[in-house]
Amino acid sequence: MSKLNDAFMESYKHLDKICREIFNSDKGITTYIDTMQEINDGNRKLPFWDDVLRKLKNYRYMRNMYVHDVDTSQYDICTKEDIVWLDKFYNSCLLYTSPSPRDVE
């Protein structure tokens, strides 16, 4: 496994874990995707909606391909930009789920 693949899988697992916590689900990112797909007008409310949905689906596909297909460890499954995107999305989920200072007081 390459260092790039290792980094991708770690970033994916972090995001999957927080999604499981957010949705109280054992399916993590899949539940996030399913929830997004249930909202018909998400792209009208948030212009980046379709892009986020497309990327999450693609990263889930890449992860599944890497884990289940033969010989996928022989090449890089992603780019550094993919890892950066996953990490940024993870951080935005953390911000959304973290209590604000007022909630702690």
C-alpha atoms as a PDB file:
ATOM      1  CA  MET A   1       0.000   0.000   0.000  1.00  0.00           C
ATOM      2  CA  SER A   2       1.362   3.410  -0.903  1.00  0.00           C
ATOM      3  CA  LYS A   3       1.610   6.299   1.535  1.00  0.00           C
ATOM      4  CA  LEU A   4      -0.966   8.140  -0.556  1.00  0.00           C
ATOM      5  CA  ASN A   5      -3.406   5.235  -0.279  1.00  0.00           C
ATOM      6  CA  ASP A   6      -2.729   4.993   3.458  1.00  0.00           C
ATOM      7  CA  ALA A   7      -3.489   8.686   3.873  1.00  0.00           C
ATOM      8  CA  PHE A   8      -6.663   8.402   1.793  1.00  0.00           C
ATOM      9  CA  MET A   9      -7.935   5.458   3.839  1.00  0.00           C
ATOM     10  CA  GLU A  10      -7.196   7.220   7.134  1.00  0.00           C
ATOM     11  CA  SER A  11      -8.977  10.379   6.001  1.00  0.00           C
ATOM     12  CA  TYR A  12     -11.913   8.328   4.756  1.00  0.00           C
ATOM     13  CA  LYS A  13     -12.141   6.415   8.042  1.00  0.00           C
ATOM     14  CA  HIS A  14     -12.082   9.634  10.080  1.00  0.00           C
ATOM     15  CA  LEU A  15     -14.912  11.076   7.993  1.00  0.00           C
ATOM     16  CA  ASP A  16     -16.862   7.821   8.143  1.00  0.00           C
ATOM     17  CA  LYS A  17     -16.537   7.740  11.925  1.00  0.00           C
ATOM     18  CA  ILE A  18     -17.848  11.251  12.427  1.00  0.00           C
ATOM     19  CA  CYS A  19     -20.715  10.541  10.006  1.00  0.00           C
ATOM     20  CA  ARG A  20     -21.625   7.456  12.067  1.00  0.00           C
ATOM     21  CA  GLU A  21     -21.675   9.654  15.162  1.00  0.00           C
ATOM     22  CA  ILE A  22     -23.679  12.454  13.531  1.00  0.00           C
ATOM     23  CA  PHE A  23     -26.351  10.110  12.197  1.00  0.00           C
ATOM     24  CA  ASN A  24     -26.155   7.508  14.970  1.00  0.00           C
ATOM     25  CA  SER A  25     -25.720   4.962  12.195  1.00  0.00           C
ATOM     26  CA  ASP A  26     -23.340   2.137  11.417  1.00  0.00           C
ATOM     27  CA  LYS A  27     -23.143   3.144   7.739  1.00  0.00           C
ATOM     28  CA  GLY A  28     -21.369   6.500   8.144  1.00  0.00           C
ATOM     29  CA  ILE A  29     -20.703   8.161   4.800  1.00  0.00           C
ATOM     30  CA  THR A  30     -23.373   6.033   3.110  1.00  0.00           C
ATOM     31  CA  THR A  31     -25.965   7.427   5.518  1.00  0.00           C
ATOM     32  CA  TYR A  32     -24.729  10.953   4.784  1.00  0.00           C
ATOM     33  CA  ILE A  33     -25.110  10.281   1.041  1.00  0.00           C
ATOM     34  CA  ASP A  34     -28.562   8.729   1.493  1.00  0.00           C
ATOM     35  CA  THR A  35     -29.689  11.720   3.558  1.00  0.00           C
ATOM     36  CA  MET A  36     -28.451  14.151   0.925  1.00  0.00           C
ATOM     37  CA  GLN A  37     -30.280  12.230  -1.797  1.00  0.00           C
ATOM     38  CA  GLU A  38     -33.545  12.487   0.128  1.00  0.00           C
ATOM     39  CA  ILE A  39     -33.408  16.290  -0.074  1.00  0.00           C
ATOM     40  CA  ASN A  40     -34.778  17.297  -3.459  1.00  0.00           C
ATOM     41  CA  ASP A  41     -33.808  20.956  -3.514  1.00  0.00           C
ATOM     42  CA  GLY A  42     -30.435  20.895  -1.761  1.00  0.00           C
ATOM     43  CA  ASN A  43     -28.656  22.336  -4.783  1.00  0.00           C
ATOM     44  CA  ARG A  44     -30.996  25.351  -4.776  1.00  0.00           C
ATOM     45  CA  LYS A  45     -30.173  26.112  -1.149  1.00  0.00           C
ATOM     46  CA  LEU A  46     -26.454  25.361  -1.338  1.00  0.00           C
ATOM     47  CA  PRO A  47     -24.740  25.828  -4.693  1.00  0.00           C
ATOM     48  CA  PHE A  48     -22.046  23.251  -3.902  1.00  0.00           C
ATOM     49  CA  TRP A  49     -24.568  20.544  -2.933  1.00  0.00           C
ATOM     50  CA  ASP A  50     -24.271  18.468  -6.101  1.00  0.00           C
ATOM     51  CA  ASP A  51     -20.476  18.668  -6.041  1.00  0.00           C
ATOM     52  CA  VAL A  52     -20.310  17.431  -2.434  1.00  0.00           C
ATOM     53  CA  LEU A  53     -22.705  14.585  -3.177  1.00  0.00           C
ATOM     54  CA  ARG A  54     -20.739  13.583  -6.279  1.00  0.00           C
ATOM     55  CA  LYS A  55     -17.423  13.641  -4.394  1.00  0.00           C
ATOM     56  CA  LEU A  56     -18.743  11.623  -1.457  1.00  0.00           C
ATOM     57  CA  LYS A  57     -20.107   8.987  -3.827  1.00  0.00           C
ATOM     58  CA  ASN A  58     -16.830   8.886  -5.727  1.00  0.00           C
ATOM     59  CA  TYR A  59     -14.740   8.558  -2.560  1.00  0.00           C
ATOM     60  CA  ARG A  60     -16.995   5.794  -1.260  1.00  0.00           C
ATOM     61  CA  TYR A  61     -16.567   4.016  -4.610  1.00  0.00           C
ATOM     62  CA  MET A  62     -12.776   4.457  -4.436  1.00  0.00           C
ATOM     63  CA  ARG A  63     -12.690   3.102  -0.903  1.00  0.00           C
ATOM     64  CA  ASN A  64     -14.844   0.104  -1.802  1.00  0.00           C
ATOM     65  CA  MET A  65     -12.795  -0.616  -4.902  1.00  0.00           C
ATOM     66  CA  TYR A  66      -9.584  -0.438  -2.881  1.00  0.00           C
ATOM     67  CA  VAL A  67     -10.869  -2.713  -0.129  1.00  0.00           C
ATOM     68  CA  HIS A  68     -12.660  -5.295  -2.274  1.00  0.00           C
ATOM     69  CA  ASP A  69     -10.933  -5.444  -5.667  1.00  0.00           C
ATOM     70  CA  VAL A  70      -7.787  -7.409  -6.361  1.00  0.00           C
ATOM     71  CA  ASP A  71      -4.461  -5.658  -7.071  1.00  0.00           C
ATOM     72  CA  THR A  72      -5.684  -2.155  -6.223  1.00  0.00           C
ATOM     73  CA  SER A  73      -2.780  -1.699  -3.822  1.00  0.00           C
ATOM     74  CA  GLN A  74      -0.432  -1.719  -6.806  1.00  0.00           C
ATOM     75  CA  TYR A  75      -1.290   1.867  -7.761  1.00  0.00           C
ATOM     76  CA  ASP A  76      -2.446   5.108  -6.165  1.00  0.00           C
ATOM     77  CA  ILE A  77      -6.224   5.263  -5.960  1.00  0.00           C
ATOM     78  CA  CYS A  78      -6.351   8.991  -5.305  1.00  0.00           C
ATOM     79  CA  THR A  79      -4.565  12.307  -5.465  1.00  0.00           C
ATOM     80  CA  LYS A  80      -3.335  14.550  -2.671  1.00  0.00           C
ATOM     81  CA  GLU A  81      -6.227  16.869  -3.518  1.00  0.00           C
ATOM     82  CA  ASP A  82      -8.698  14.078  -2.718  1.00  0.00           C
ATOM     83  CA  ILE A  83      -7.183  13.689   0.728  1.00  0.00           C
ATOM     84  CA  VAL A  84      -7.219  17.444   1.312  1.00  0.00           C
ATOM     85  CA  TRP A  85     -10.915  17.565   0.346  1.00  0.00           C
ATOM     86  CA  LEU A  86     -11.788  14.702   2.717  1.00  0.00           C
ATOM     87  CA  ASP A  87      -9.884  16.370   5.552  1.00  0.00           C
ATOM     88  CA  LYS A  88     -11.569  19.733   4.946  1.00  0.00           C
ATOM     89  CA  PHE A  89     -14.989  18.105   4.827  1.00  0.00           C
ATOM     90  CA  TYR A  90     -14.207  16.232   8.033  1.00  0.00           C
ATOM     91  CA  ASN A  91     -13.190  19.492   9.713  1.00  0.00           C
ATOM     92  CA  SER A  92     -16.404  21.175   8.583  1.00  0.00           C
ATOM     93  CA  CYS A  93     -18.363  18.274  10.102  1.00  0.00           C
ATOM     94  CA  LEU A  94     -16.417  18.724  13.340  1.00  0.00           C
ATOM     95  CA  LEU A  95     -17.280  22.407  13.421  1.00  0.00           C
ATOM     96  CA  TYR A  96     -20.935  21.590  12.834  1.00  0.00           C
ATOM     97  CA  THR A  97     -21.081  18.989  15.607  1.00  0.00           C
ATOM     98  CA  SER A  98     -18.841  20.691  18.186  1.00  0.00           C
ATOM     99  CA  PRO A  99     -20.614  22.656  20.896  1.00  0.00           C
ATOM    100  CA  SER A 100     -20.222  26.380  20.735  1.00  0.00           C
ATOM    101  CA  PRO A 101     -18.625  28.158  23.719  1.00  0.00           C
ATOM    102  CA  ARG A 102     -22.121  29.303  24.760  1.00  0.00           C
ATOM    103  CA  ASP A 103     -23.295  25.666  24.890  1.00  0.00           C
ATOM    104  CA  VAL A 104     -20.520  24.802  27.344  1.00  0.00           C
ATOM    105  CA  GLU A 105     -21.151  27.666  29.760  1.00  0.00           C
END
